[in-house]
Amino acid sequence: WTPALQQEFERRILRLTVSAGLPFSWADNPEWQAFCHKFIPAAKLPSQRTLSRRLLPEAVAEGRASIRAAAQGHEATLQADGWTGLNSHHLIAFMITVNNQVHTVQVDDVSAERKTADNLLDRLQAVIDKVNTEWKAPIIAVVTDASGESRKARRLLGERHPELMVLDCYAHQ
């Protein structure tokens, strides 16, 4: 059992946990630990703390770096899509499309804010700045929902950035 194999084992346990929707606490389950000690005794089992405090942040950082590298130097289209979750939280997802691949930039919980064009405009501008500077992927177009505040935010964004194509989402018509 090599350090490289241990690292791969830990990554696979994290992927299994996330893909199956398991709580991190399952890693500390005595039956799971007994199973592993019997059949893969050389493996050091990651605890729920290791999963949540080291492995997940490392995987997220690695994924973000990979996405940024794929986007860097390529023109991007920004999409903003809002919805209300089952928990009654209002969320807005900001995604970019680069080379026919969609990447999530961020998802904001805006439940505490009023749904106004100015608030959406500020968030759109912040994401445009982030993608242009941190991701080094110039935004060339923006697409949003068809709501009234989105319509106004698009109009104001187009006035602020005449170089951008600012479009209404046809799926939200």
C-alpha atoms as a PDB file:
ATOM      1  CA  TRP A   1       0.000   0.000   0.000  1.00  0.00           C
ATOM      2  CA  THR A   2       1.800   3.103  -1.223  1.00  0.00           C
ATOM      3  CA  PRO A   3       1.217   6.768  -0.334  1.00  0.00           C
ATOM      4  CA  ALA A   4      -0.037   7.308  -3.887  1.00  0.00           C
ATOM      5  CA  LEU A   5      -2.550   4.480  -3.503  1.00  0.00           C
ATOM      6  CA  GLN A   6      -3.670   5.892  -0.136  1.00  0.00           C
ATOM      7  CA  GLN A   7      -4.208   9.302  -1.750  1.00  0.00           C
ATOM      8  CA  GLU A   8      -6.229   7.742  -4.582  1.00  0.00           C
ATOM      9  CA  PHE A   9      -8.240   5.716  -2.061  1.00  0.00           C
ATOM     10  CA  GLU A  10      -9.109   8.880  -0.122  1.00  0.00           C
ATOM     11  CA  ARG A  11     -10.134  10.712  -3.306  1.00  0.00           C
ATOM     12  CA  ARG A  12     -12.340   7.787  -4.340  1.00  0.00           C
ATOM     13  CA  ILE A  13     -13.987   7.650  -0.919  1.00  0.00           C
ATOM     14  CA  LEU A  14     -14.761  11.362  -1.227  1.00  0.00           C
ATOM     15  CA  ARG A  15     -16.188  10.904  -4.746  1.00  0.00           C
ATOM     16  CA  LEU A  16     -18.273   7.942  -3.548  1.00  0.00           C
ATOM     17  CA  THR A  17     -19.570   9.985  -0.608  1.00  0.00           C
ATOM     18  CA  VAL A  18     -20.555  12.958  -2.767  1.00  0.00           C
ATOM     19  CA  SER A  19     -21.960  11.012  -5.721  1.00  0.00           C
ATOM     20  CA  ALA A  20     -24.104   8.823  -3.462  1.00  0.00           C
ATOM     21  CA  GLY A  21     -25.280  11.807  -1.406  1.00  0.00           C
ATOM     22  CA  LEU A  22     -23.979  10.248   1.780  1.00  0.00           C
ATOM     23  CA  PRO A  23     -23.427  12.335   4.904  1.00  0.00           C
ATOM     24  CA  PHE A  24     -19.758  12.623   5.848  1.00  0.00           C
ATOM     25  CA  SER A  25     -20.575  10.842   9.110  1.00  0.00           C
ATOM     26  CA  TRP A  26     -20.862   7.533   7.225  1.00  0.00           C
ATOM     27  CA  ALA A  27     -17.048   7.382   7.126  1.00  0.00           C
ATOM     28  CA  ASP A  28     -17.059   6.841  10.906  1.00  0.00           C
ATOM     29  CA  ASN A  29     -19.623   4.003  10.735  1.00  0.00           C
ATOM     30  CA  PRO A  30     -18.284   0.984  12.670  1.00  0.00           C
ATOM     31  CA  GLU A  31     -19.580  -1.527  10.091  1.00  0.00           C
ATOM     32  CA  TRP A  32     -17.794   0.307   7.273  1.00  0.00           C
ATOM     33  CA  GLN A  33     -14.606   0.492   9.314  1.00  0.00           C
ATOM     34  CA  ALA A  34     -14.794  -3.232  10.152  1.00  0.00           C
ATOM     35  CA  PHE A  35     -15.353  -4.056   6.470  1.00  0.00           C
ATOM     36  CA  CYS A  36     -12.298  -2.061   5.411  1.00  0.00           C
ATOM     37  CA  HIS A  37     -10.092  -3.443   8.190  1.00  0.00           C
ATOM     38  CA  LYS A  38     -11.021  -6.971   7.087  1.00  0.00           C
ATOM     39  CA  PHE A  39     -10.673  -6.562   3.303  1.00  0.00           C
ATOM     40  CA  ILE A  40      -8.238  -3.656   2.867  1.00  0.00           C
ATOM     41  CA  PRO A  41      -6.264  -3.650   6.101  1.00  0.00           C
ATOM     42  CA  ALA A  42      -3.423  -1.492   4.770  1.00  0.00           C
ATOM     43  CA  ALA A  43      -5.755   1.413   3.960  1.00  0.00           C
ATOM     44  CA  LYS A  44      -6.016   4.247   6.438  1.00  0.00           C
ATOM     45  CA  LEU A  45      -9.683   5.247   6.482  1.00  0.00           C
ATOM     46  CA  PRO A  46     -10.487   8.939   6.208  1.00  0.00           C
ATOM     47  CA  SER A  47     -12.737  10.213   8.992  1.00  0.00           C
ATOM     48  CA  GLN A  48     -15.705  12.500   8.451  1.00  0.00           C
ATOM     49  CA  ARG A  49     -13.451  15.339   9.625  1.00  0.00           C
ATOM     50  CA  THR A  50     -10.799  14.427   7.039  1.00  0.00           C
ATOM     51  CA  LEU A  51     -13.458  14.230   4.320  1.00  0.00           C
ATOM     52  CA  SER A  52     -15.004  17.603   5.152  1.00  0.00           C
ATOM     53  CA  ARG A  53     -11.968  19.595   6.260  1.00  0.00           C
ATOM     54  CA  ARG A  54      -9.196  18.392   3.966  1.00  0.00           C
ATOM     55  CA  LEU A  55     -10.337  16.195   1.096  1.00  0.00           C
ATOM     56  CA  LEU A  56     -13.407  18.168  -0.020  1.00  0.00           C
ATOM     57  CA  PRO A  57     -11.665  21.585   0.029  1.00  0.00           C
ATOM     58  CA  GLU A  58      -8.723  20.094  -1.892  1.00  0.00           C
ATOM     59  CA  ALA A  59     -11.050  18.570  -4.504  1.00  0.00           C
ATOM     60  CA  VAL A  60     -12.997  21.824  -4.875  1.00  0.00           C
ATOM     61  CA  ALA A  61      -9.789  23.842  -5.278  1.00  0.00           C
ATOM     62  CA  GLU A  62      -8.491  21.340  -7.838  1.00  0.00           C
ATOM     63  CA  GLY A  63     -11.768  21.443  -9.782  1.00  0.00           C
ATOM     64  CA  ARG A  64     -11.890  25.233  -9.765  1.00  0.00           C
ATOM     65  CA  ALA A  65      -8.301  25.469 -10.989  1.00  0.00           C
ATOM     66  CA  SER A  66      -9.056  23.016 -13.788  1.00  0.00           C
ATOM     67  CA  ILE A  67     -12.157  24.953 -14.857  1.00  0.00           C
ATOM     68  CA  ARG A  68     -10.324  28.283 -14.783  1.00  0.00           C
ATOM     69  CA  ALA A  69      -7.494  26.827 -16.853  1.00  0.00           C
ATOM     70  CA  ALA A  70      -9.988  25.519 -19.425  1.00  0.00           C
ATOM     71  CA  ALA A  71     -11.681  28.937 -19.637  1.00  0.00           C
ATOM     72  CA  GLN A  72      -8.550  31.081 -19.684  1.00  0.00           C
ATOM     73  CA  GLY A  73      -8.059  32.976 -22.913  1.00  0.00           C
ATOM     74  CA  HIS A  74     -11.415  31.922 -24.392  1.00  0.00           C
ATOM     75  CA  GLU A  75     -14.466  34.107 -24.908  1.00  0.00           C
ATOM     76  CA  ALA A  76     -17.344  33.290 -22.578  1.00  0.00           C
ATOM     77  CA  THR A  77     -21.101  33.746 -22.402  1.00  0.00           C
ATOM     78  CA  LEU A  78     -22.484  34.460 -18.935  1.00  0.00           C
ATOM     79  CA  GLN A  79     -25.848  33.027 -17.905  1.00  0.00           C
ATOM     80  CA  ALA A  80     -27.792  33.986 -14.796  1.00  0.00           C
ATOM     81  CA  ASP A  81     -30.718  31.859 -13.682  1.00  0.00           C
ATOM     82  CA  GLY A  82     -32.752  32.393 -10.523  1.00  0.00           C
ATOM     83  CA  TRP A  83     -35.083  30.021  -8.715  1.00  0.00           C
ATOM     84  CA  THR A  84     -36.591  29.337  -5.330  1.00  0.00           C
ATOM     85  CA  GLY A  85     -35.416  26.153  -3.647  1.00  0.00           C
ATOM     86  CA  LEU A  86     -37.523  23.694  -1.671  1.00  0.00           C
ATOM     87  CA  ASN A  87     -36.327  25.481   1.477  1.00  0.00           C
ATOM     88  CA  SER A  88     -37.850  28.760   0.153  1.00  0.00           C
ATOM     89  CA  HIS A  89     -34.402  30.277  -0.405  1.00  0.00           C
ATOM     90  CA  HIS A  90     -34.047  32.387  -3.536  1.00  0.00           C
ATOM     91  CA  LEU A  91     -30.901  31.450  -5.427  1.00  0.00           C
ATOM     92  CA  ILE A  92     -29.184  32.839  -8.498  1.00  0.00           C
ATOM     93  CA  ALA A  93     -26.717  30.661 -10.396  1.00  0.00           C
ATOM     94  CA  PHE A  94     -24.068  32.335 -12.527  1.00  0.00           C
ATOM     95  CA  MET A  95     -22.568  30.092 -15.184  1.00  0.00           C
ATOM     96  CA  ILE A  96     -20.330  30.616 -18.166  1.00  0.00           C
ATOM     97  CA  THR A  97     -20.210  28.725 -21.418  1.00  0.00           C
ATOM     98  CA  VAL A  98     -16.750  28.342 -22.917  1.00  0.00           C
ATOM     99  CA  ASN A  99     -16.019  26.046 -25.862  1.00  0.00           C
ATOM    100  CA  ASN A 100     -19.490  24.463 -25.565  1.00  0.00           C
ATOM    101  CA  GLN A 101     -18.860  23.569 -21.905  1.00  0.00           C
ATOM    102  CA  VAL A 102     -20.926  25.067 -19.076  1.00  0.00           C
ATOM    103  CA  HIS A 103     -19.106  25.927 -15.848  1.00  0.00           C
ATOM    104  CA  THR A 104     -20.655  27.226 -12.639  1.00  0.00           C
ATOM    105  CA  VAL A 105     -18.977  30.405 -11.453  1.00  0.00           C
ATOM    106  CA  GLN A 106     -21.034  30.798  -8.285  1.00  0.00           C
ATOM    107  CA  VAL A 107     -24.484  30.342  -6.782  1.00  0.00           C
ATOM    108  CA  ASP A 108     -25.713  33.176  -4.565  1.00  0.00           C
ATOM    109  CA  ASP A 109     -28.386  32.947  -1.891  1.00  0.00           C
ATOM    110  CA  VAL A 110     -30.234  36.252  -2.301  1.00  0.00           C
ATOM    111  CA  SER A 111     -33.143  35.459   0.001  1.00  0.00           C
ATOM    112  CA  ALA A 112     -32.402  38.446   2.229  1.00  0.00           C
ATOM    113  CA  GLU A 113     -32.352  40.894  -0.709  1.00  0.00           C
ATOM    114  CA  ARG A 114     -35.172  42.542  -2.579  1.00  0.00           C
ATOM    115  CA  LYS A 115     -35.567  41.281  -6.156  1.00  0.00           C
ATOM    116  CA  THR A 116     -34.599  44.481  -7.959  1.00  0.00           C
ATOM    117  CA  ALA A 117     -32.885  45.255 -11.228  1.00  0.00           C
ATOM    118  CA  ASP A 118     -30.175  47.211  -9.403  1.00  0.00           C
ATOM    119  CA  ASN A 119     -29.329  44.258  -7.140  1.00  0.00           C
ATOM    120  CA  LEU A 120     -29.167  41.894 -10.113  1.00  0.00           C
ATOM    121  CA  LEU A 121     -27.111  44.400 -12.096  1.00  0.00           C
ATOM    122  CA  ASP A 122     -24.584  44.656  -9.239  1.00  0.00           C
ATOM    123  CA  ARG A 123     -24.290  40.864  -9.083  1.00  0.00           C
ATOM    124  CA  LEU A 124     -23.931  40.550 -12.865  1.00  0.00           C
ATOM    125  CA  GLN A 125     -21.211  43.206 -12.870  1.00  0.00           C
ATOM    126  CA  ALA A 126     -19.337  41.486 -10.033  1.00  0.00           C
ATOM    127  CA  VAL A 127     -19.386  38.153 -11.876  1.00  0.00           C
ATOM    128  CA  ILE A 128     -18.308  39.786 -15.155  1.00  0.00           C
ATOM    129  CA  ASP A 129     -15.382  41.411 -13.340  1.00  0.00           C
ATOM    130  CA  LYS A 130     -14.483  38.126 -11.626  1.00  0.00           C
ATOM    131  CA  VAL A 131     -14.512  36.084 -14.844  1.00  0.00           C
ATOM    132  CA  ASN A 132     -12.667  38.741 -16.833  1.00  0.00           C
ATOM    133  CA  THR A 133      -9.907  39.219 -14.246  1.00  0.00           C
ATOM    134  CA  GLU A 134      -9.583  36.014 -12.204  1.00  0.00           C
ATOM    135  CA  TRP A 135     -10.580  33.505 -14.859  1.00  0.00           C
ATOM    136  CA  LYS A 136      -9.061  35.562 -17.725  1.00  0.00           C
ATOM    137  CA  ALA A 137     -12.014  34.680 -19.945  1.00  0.00           C
ATOM    138  CA  PRO A 138     -13.554  37.772 -21.544  1.00  0.00           C
ATOM    139  CA  ILE A 139     -17.346  37.873 -21.301  1.00  0.00           C
ATOM    140  CA  ILE A 140     -18.860  38.670 -24.707  1.00  0.00           C
ATOM    141  CA  ALA A 141     -22.536  38.004 -24.003  1.00  0.00           C
ATOM    142  CA  VAL A 142     -24.944  37.816 -21.056  1.00  0.00           C
ATOM    143  CA  VAL A 143     -28.239  35.884 -20.879  1.00  0.00           C
ATOM    144  CA  THR A 144     -30.745  36.179 -18.028  1.00  0.00           C
ATOM    145  CA  ASP A 145     -34.281  35.140 -17.067  1.00  0.00           C
ATOM    146  CA  ALA A 146     -37.221  36.966 -18.659  1.00  0.00           C
ATOM    147  CA  SER A 147     -38.584  38.546 -15.451  1.00  0.00           C
ATOM    148  CA  GLY A 148     -39.207  42.264 -15.167  1.00  0.00           C
ATOM    149  CA  GLU A 149     -36.199  42.993 -12.960  1.00  0.00           C
ATOM    150  CA  SER A 150     -34.009  40.860 -15.246  1.00  0.00           C
ATOM    151  CA  ARG A 151     -35.227  42.789 -18.274  1.00  0.00           C
ATOM    152  CA  LYS A 152     -34.328  46.093 -16.623  1.00  0.00           C
ATOM    153  CA  ALA A 153     -30.967  44.764 -15.403  1.00  0.00           C
ATOM    154  CA  ARG A 154     -30.148  43.610 -18.957  1.00  0.00           C
ATOM    155  CA  ARG A 155     -31.063  47.021 -20.357  1.00  0.00           C
ATOM    156  CA  LEU A 156     -28.869  48.798 -17.782  1.00  0.00           C
ATOM    157  CA  LEU A 157     -26.020  46.330 -18.358  1.00  0.00           C
ATOM    158  CA  GLY A 158     -26.247  46.920 -22.111  1.00  0.00           C
ATOM    159  CA  GLU A 159     -26.049  50.670 -21.541  1.00  0.00           C
ATOM    160  CA  ARG A 160     -23.044  50.210 -19.256  1.00  0.00           C
ATOM    161  CA  HIS A 161     -21.353  47.716 -21.605  1.00  0.00           C
ATOM    162  CA  PRO A 162     -22.332  48.360 -25.241  1.00  0.00           C
ATOM    163  CA  GLU A 163     -19.636  45.858 -26.302  1.00  0.00           C
ATOM    164  CA  LEU A 164     -21.676  42.996 -24.798  1.00  0.00           C
ATOM    165  CA  MET A 165     -24.515  41.115 -26.396  1.00  0.00           C
ATOM    166  CA  VAL A 166     -27.222  41.144 -23.736  1.00  0.00           C
ATOM    167  CA  LEU A 167     -29.955  38.612 -24.426  1.00  0.00           C
ATOM    168  CA  ASP A 168     -33.206  37.341 -23.001  1.00  0.00           C
ATOM    169  CA  CYS A 169     -33.385  33.594 -22.325  1.00  0.00           C
ATOM    170  CA  TYR A 170     -35.693  32.072 -24.935  1.00  0.00           C
ATOM    171  CA  ALA A 171     -36.463  29.122 -22.634  1.00  0.00           C
ATOM    172  CA  HIS A 172     -38.004  31.544 -20.116  1.00  0.00           C
ATOM    173  CA  GLN A 173     -40.409  33.164 -22.597  1.00  0.00           C
END
